[in-house]
C-alpha atoms as a PDB file:
ATOM      1  CA  MET A   1       0.000   0.000   0.000  1.00  0.00           C
ATOM      2  CA  LEU A   2       2.275   2.678  -1.348  1.00  0.00           C
ATOM      3  CA  ALA A   3      -0.383   5.389  -1.091  1.00  0.00           C
ATOM      4  CA  ALA A   4      -0.853   4.689   2.621  1.00  0.00           C
ATOM      5  CA  ARG A   5       2.902   4.876   3.228  1.00  0.00           C
ATOM      6  CA  VAL A   6       3.125   8.184   1.365  1.00  0.00           C
ATOM      7  CA  ALA A   7       0.235   9.689   3.330  1.00  0.00           C
ATOM      8  CA  TRP A   8       1.672   8.540   6.678  1.00  0.00           C
ATOM      9  CA  THR A   9       5.148   9.752   5.763  1.00  0.00           C
ATOM     10  CA  ILE A  10       3.792  13.226   5.079  1.00  0.00           C
ATOM     11  CA  LEU A  11       1.670  13.343   8.235  1.00  0.00           C
ATOM     12  CA  GLU A  12       4.481  11.995  10.425  1.00  0.00           C
ATOM     13  CA  SER A  13       6.890  14.540   8.960  1.00  0.00           C
ATOM     14  CA  GLU A  14       4.447  17.246   9.895  1.00  0.00           C
ATOM     15  CA  HIS A  15       4.119  15.786  13.385  1.00  0.00           C
ATOM     16  CA  ALA A  16       7.906  15.967  13.674  1.00  0.00           C
ATOM     17  CA  HIS A  17       7.726  19.643  12.720  1.00  0.00           C
ATOM     18  CA  VAL A  18       5.014  20.256  15.351  1.00  0.00           C
ATOM     19  CA  ARG A  19       7.137  18.478  17.968  1.00  0.00           C
ATOM     20  CA  ALA A  20      10.152  20.601  17.009  1.00  0.00           C
ATOM     21  CA  LEU A  21       8.097  23.772  17.414  1.00  0.00           C
ATOM     22  CA  LEU A  22       6.886  22.547  20.807  1.00  0.00           C
ATOM     23  CA  VAL A  23      10.511  22.044  21.862  1.00  0.00           C
ATOM     24  CA  GLU A  24      11.361  25.563  20.695  1.00  0.00           C
ATOM     25  CA  ILE A  25       8.394  26.950  22.638  1.00  0.00           C
ATOM     26  CA  ALA A  26       9.489  25.084  25.772  1.00  0.00           C
ATOM     27  CA  SER A  27      13.022  26.426  25.323  1.00  0.00           C
ATOM     28  CA  ALA A  28      11.704  29.949  24.913  1.00  0.00           C
ATOM     29  CA  VAL A  29       9.729  29.618  28.133  1.00  0.00           C
ATOM     30  CA  GLN A  30      12.719  28.221  30.041  1.00  0.00           C
ATOM     31  CA  GLY A  31      15.482  30.317  28.554  1.00  0.00           C
ATOM     32  CA  THR A  32      14.224  33.871  28.310  1.00  0.00           C
ATOM     33  CA  ASP A  33      12.320  36.401  30.281  1.00  0.00           C
ATOM     34  CA  TRP A  34       8.932  36.357  28.620  1.00  0.00           C
ATOM     35  CA  SER A  35       6.936  37.403  31.686  1.00  0.00           C
ATOM     36  CA  ALA A  36       7.037  41.028  30.534  1.00  0.00           C
ATOM     37  CA  ALA A  37       6.945  42.828  27.201  1.00  0.00           C
ATOM     38  CA  GLY A  38      10.225  42.458  25.342  1.00  0.00           C
ATOM     39  CA  PRO A  39      12.172  40.187  23.004  1.00  0.00           C
ATOM     40  CA  GLY A  40      11.531  37.004  25.016  1.00  0.00           C
ATOM     41  CA  LEU A  41       7.783  37.471  24.880  1.00  0.00           C
ATOM     42  CA  ARG A  42       7.901  38.429  21.194  1.00  0.00           C
ATOM     43  CA  ARG A  43       9.849  35.239  20.398  1.00  0.00           C
ATOM     44  CA  LEU A  44       7.415  33.100  22.363  1.00  0.00           C
ATOM     45  CA  LEU A  45       4.467  34.671  20.545  1.00  0.00           C
ATOM     46  CA  GLU A  46       6.199  34.170  17.176  1.00  0.00           C
ATOM     47  CA  LEU A  47       6.651  30.478  17.892  1.00  0.00           C
ATOM     48  CA  ILE A  48       3.078  30.014  19.076  1.00  0.00           C
ATOM     49  CA  LEU A  49       1.742  31.826  16.010  1.00  0.00           C
ATOM     50  CA  ALA A  50       4.043  29.796  13.733  1.00  0.00           C
ATOM     51  CA  LEU A  51       2.642  26.580  15.208  1.00  0.00           C
ATOM     52  CA  GLU A  52      -0.903  27.863  14.842  1.00  0.00           C
ATOM     53  CA  ALA A  53      -0.300  28.908  11.216  1.00  0.00           C
ATOM     54  CA  PHE A  54       1.362  25.614  10.309  1.00  0.00           C
ATOM     55  CA  ASP A  55      -1.464  23.615  11.866  1.00  0.00           C
ATOM     56  CA  GLY A  56      -4.229  25.655  10.267  1.00  0.00           C
ATOM     57  CA  ALA A  57      -2.782  26.093   6.791  1.00  0.00           C
ATOM     58  CA  ALA A  58      -0.870  22.874   6.230  1.00  0.00           C
ATOM     59  CA  HIS A  59      -1.361  20.101   8.762  1.00  0.00           C
ATOM     60  CA  ARG A  60      -5.008  20.228   9.776  1.00  0.00           C
ATOM     61  CA  PRO A  61      -6.406  20.103   6.219  1.00  0.00           C
ATOM     62  CA  LYS A  62      -4.357  16.979   5.443  1.00  0.00           C
ATOM     63  CA  GLY A  63      -5.410  15.193   8.611  1.00  0.00           C
ATOM     64  CA  SER A  64      -9.023  16.171   8.059  1.00  0.00           C
ATOM     65  CA  ARG A  65      -9.008  14.492   4.651  1.00  0.00           C
ATOM     66  CA  MET A  66      -7.841  11.238   6.158  1.00  0.00           C
ATOM     67  CA  LEU A  67     -10.300  11.429   9.040  1.00  0.00           C
ATOM     68  CA  ALA A  68     -13.187  12.094   6.665  1.00  0.00           C
ATOM     69  CA  ALA A  69     -12.285   8.997   4.637  1.00  0.00           C
ATOM     70  CA  MET A  70     -12.516   6.872   7.796  1.00  0.00           C
ATOM     71  CA  GLN A  71     -15.795   8.263   9.132  1.00  0.00           C
ATOM     72  CA  GLY A  72     -18.504   5.632   9.515  1.00  0.00           C
ATOM     73  CA  ARG A  73     -16.267   2.624   8.849  1.00  0.00           C
ATOM     74  CA  SER A  74     -16.349   1.056  12.303  1.00  0.00           C
ATOM     75  CA  SER A  75     -17.626   1.969  15.723  1.00  0.00           C
ATOM     76  CA  ALA A  76     -14.136   1.654  17.215  1.00  0.00           C
ATOM     77  CA  ALA A  77     -12.684   4.002  14.591  1.00  0.00           C
ATOM     78  CA  ASP A  78     -15.589   6.410  15.038  1.00  0.00           C
ATOM     79  CA  ASP A  79     -14.972   6.444  18.797  1.00  0.00           C
ATOM     80  CA  GLN A  80     -11.324   7.267  18.129  1.00  0.00           C
ATOM     81  CA  LEU A  81     -12.337  10.007  15.665  1.00  0.00           C
ATOM     82  CA  ALA A  82     -14.699  11.488  18.262  1.00  0.00           C
ATOM     83  CA  THR A  83     -11.881  11.508  20.821  1.00  0.00           C
ATOM     84  CA  LEU A  84      -9.601  13.268  18.338  1.00  0.00           C
ATOM     85  CA  THR A  85     -12.303  15.846  17.634  1.00  0.00           C
ATOM     86  CA  ARG A  86     -12.706  16.505  21.368  1.00  0.00           C
ATOM     87  CA  ASP A  87      -8.926  16.765  21.738  1.00  0.00           C
ATOM     88  CA  ARG A  88      -8.773  19.320  18.943  1.00  0.00           C
ATOM     89  CA  THR A  89     -11.605  21.355  20.485  1.00  0.00           C
ATOM     90  CA  VAL A  90      -9.838  21.428  23.872  1.00  0.00           C
ATOM     91  CA  ASN A  91      -6.480  22.312  22.292  1.00  0.00           C
ATOM     92  CA  ASP A  92      -8.057  25.089  20.230  1.00  0.00           C
ATOM     93  CA  ALA A  93      -9.725  26.532  23.337  1.00  0.00           C
ATOM     94  CA  LEU A  94      -6.412  26.391  25.225  1.00  0.00           C
ATOM     95  CA  LEU A  95      -4.738  28.256  22.373  1.00  0.00           C
ATOM     96  CA  LEU A  96      -7.310  31.050  22.495  1.00  0.00           C
ATOM     97  CA  GLU A  97      -6.969  31.306  26.262  1.00  0.00           C
ATOM     98  CA  LEU A  98      -3.171  31.274  25.989  1.00  0.00           C
ATOM     99  CA  LYS A  99      -3.060  34.011  23.364  1.00  0.00           C
ATOM    100  CA  ALA A 100      -5.339  36.199  25.485  1.00  0.00           C
ATOM    101  CA  ALA A 101      -3.201  35.653  28.584  1.00  0.00           C
ATOM    102  CA  LEU A 102       0.007  36.397  26.653  1.00  0.00           C
ATOM    103  CA  GLU A 103      -1.568  39.579  25.319  1.00  0.00           C
ATOM    104  CA  ARG A 104      -2.281  40.638  28.904  1.00  0.00           C
ATOM    105  CA  VAL A 105       1.365  39.917  29.795  1.00  0.00           C
ATOM    106  CA  ALA A 106       2.440  42.039  26.813  1.00  0.00           C
ATOM    107  CA  GLN A 107       0.297  44.847  28.185  1.00  0.00           C
ATOM    108  CA  GLY A 108       2.134  44.724  31.499  1.00  0.00           C
ATOM    109  CA  GLU A 109       0.131  42.230  33.541  1.00  0.00           C
ATOM    110  CA  ALA A 110       3.006  39.995  34.651  1.00  0.00           C
ATOM    111  CA  ARG A 111       0.733  38.224  37.121  1.00  0.00           C
ATOM    112  CA  ASP A 112      -0.749  36.349  34.122  1.00  0.00           C
ATOM    113  CA  ALA A 113       2.627  34.703  33.383  1.00  0.00           C
ATOM    114  CA  PRO A 114       2.055  31.670  35.672  1.00  0.00           C
ATOM    115  CA  ALA A 115      -1.288  31.053  33.951  1.00  0.00           C
ATOM    116  CA  CYS A 116       0.509  31.226  30.594  1.00  0.00           C
ATOM    117  CA  ARG A 117       3.015  28.628  31.736  1.00  0.00           C
ATOM    118  CA  SER A 118       0.193  26.312  32.824  1.00  0.00           C
ATOM    119  CA  LEU A 119      -1.702  26.825  29.552  1.00  0.00           C
ATOM    120  CA  LEU A 120       1.459  26.189  27.541  1.00  0.00           C
ATOM    121  CA  THR A 121       2.065  22.948  29.416  1.00  0.00           C
ATOM    122  CA  ARG A 122      -1.517  21.751  29.033  1.00  0.00           C
ATOM    123  CA  ARG A 123      -1.576  22.586  25.317  1.00  0.00           C
ATOM    124  CA  ARG A 124       1.776  20.903  24.718  1.00  0.00           C
ATOM    125  CA  GLU A 125       0.649  17.756  26.517  1.00  0.00           C
ATOM    126  CA  GLY A 126      -2.642  17.796  24.618  1.00  0.00           C
ATOM    127  CA  LEU A 127      -0.965  18.147  21.236  1.00  0.00           C
ATOM    128  CA  LEU A 128       1.552  15.411  21.994  1.00  0.00           C
ATOM    129  CA  ALA A 129      -1.171  13.042  23.209  1.00  0.00           C
ATOM    130  CA  ARG A 130      -3.280  13.735  20.129  1.00  0.00           C
ATOM    131  CA  MET A 131      -0.389  13.078  17.755  1.00  0.00           C
ATOM    132  CA  GLU A 132       0.397   9.851  19.602  1.00  0.00           C
ATOM    133  CA  ARG A 133      -3.219   8.684  19.207  1.00  0.00           C
ATOM    134  CA  VAL A 134      -3.157   9.527  15.494  1.00  0.00           C
ATOM    135  CA  GLU A 135       0.143   7.706  14.958  1.00  0.00           C
ATOM    136  CA  THR A 136      -0.878   4.559  16.833  1.00  0.00           C
ATOM    137  CA  LEU A 137      -4.568   3.894  17.316  1.00  0.00           C
ATOM    138  CA  LEU A 138      -5.915   5.847  14.361  1.00  0.00           C
ATOM    139  CA  ARG A 139      -3.213   4.548  12.060  1.00  0.00           C
ATOM    140  CA  SER A 140      -4.081   0.942  12.893  1.00  0.00           C
ATOM    141  CA  HIS A 141      -7.753   1.629  12.155  1.00  0.00           C
ATOM    142  CA  ALA A 142      -6.943   3.468   8.928  1.00  0.00           C
ATOM    143  CA  GLU A 143      -4.658   0.765   7.610  1.00  0.00           C
ATOM    144  CA  ARG A 144      -7.270  -1.873   8.355  1.00  0.00           C
ATOM    145  CA  LEU A 145     -10.303   0.015   7.043  1.00  0.00           C
ATOM    146  CA  LEU A 146      -9.185   1.878   3.931  1.00  0.00           C
ATOM    147  CA  THR A 147      -8.647   0.141   0.608  1.00  0.00           C
ATOM    148  CA  GLU A 148      -5.728   0.871  -1.713  1.00  0.00           C
ATOM    149  CA  GLU A 149      -8.092   2.871  -3.932  1.00  0.00           C
ATOM    150  CA  GLU A 150      -9.288   4.935  -0.963  1.00  0.00           C
ATOM    151  CA  TRP A 151      -5.693   5.510   0.145  1.00  0.00           C
ATOM    152  CA  SER A 152      -4.850   6.670  -3.365  1.00  0.00           C
ATOM    153  CA  HIS A 153      -7.728   9.125  -3.199  1.00  0.00           C
ATOM    154  CA  VAL A 154      -6.644  10.406   0.226  1.00  0.00           C
ATOM    155  CA  ASP A 155      -3.045  10.566  -0.968  1.00  0.00           C
ATOM    156  CA  SER A 156      -3.986  12.561  -4.050  1.00  0.00           C
ATOM    157  CA  GLU A 157      -5.729  15.126  -1.845  1.00  0.00           C
ATOM    158  CA  ILE A 158      -2.734  15.518   0.485  1.00  0.00           C
ATOM    159  CA  PRO A 159      -0.239  17.933  -1.018  1.00  0.00           C
ATOM    160  CA  THR A 160       3.246  16.459  -0.848  1.00  0.00           C
ATOM    161  CA  ARG A 161       4.874  19.799  -0.166  1.00  0.00           C
ATOM    162  CA  ILE A 162       5.359  20.189   3.553  1.00  0.00           C
ATOM    163  CA  GLU A 163       4.726  23.800   4.513  1.00  0.00           C
ATOM    164  CA  ARG A 164       7.124  25.080   7.157  1.00  0.00           C
ATOM    165  CA  ARG A 165       7.437  28.403   8.840  1.00  0.00           C
END
């Protein structure tokens, strides 16, 4: 199933890029003073926005195509898809909350910095857990449920160019 391998290679490469951005974000939080307006906070915001842009413009559309192809194939796969949808909703809400808290820090409210750290940690853990579920449980369902023809269709809809920041 060459088409399946191509699709997974692209998605896993994108997951590696997301993980690398998460490491950079963690380094920015540990290594600079971002609890007040300045270069540390600007860098942290740049990284968070780069991750958001990459996910929204490049990664999410590809994953959505694969998920749509699997919908309704088995109750176990549908349960996994529902969990992934809930994960995404929680992670998106955390991102909105995080951006608002970081904006308050940028406006001089340093007391919001601990909340930012907590939100960053929760979002990171949520993204990592979601990617792990996609790469293990969802992959096993997808490989079992989709035919070579369906994989070819999914593969043809997934651009092979990997958008990076």
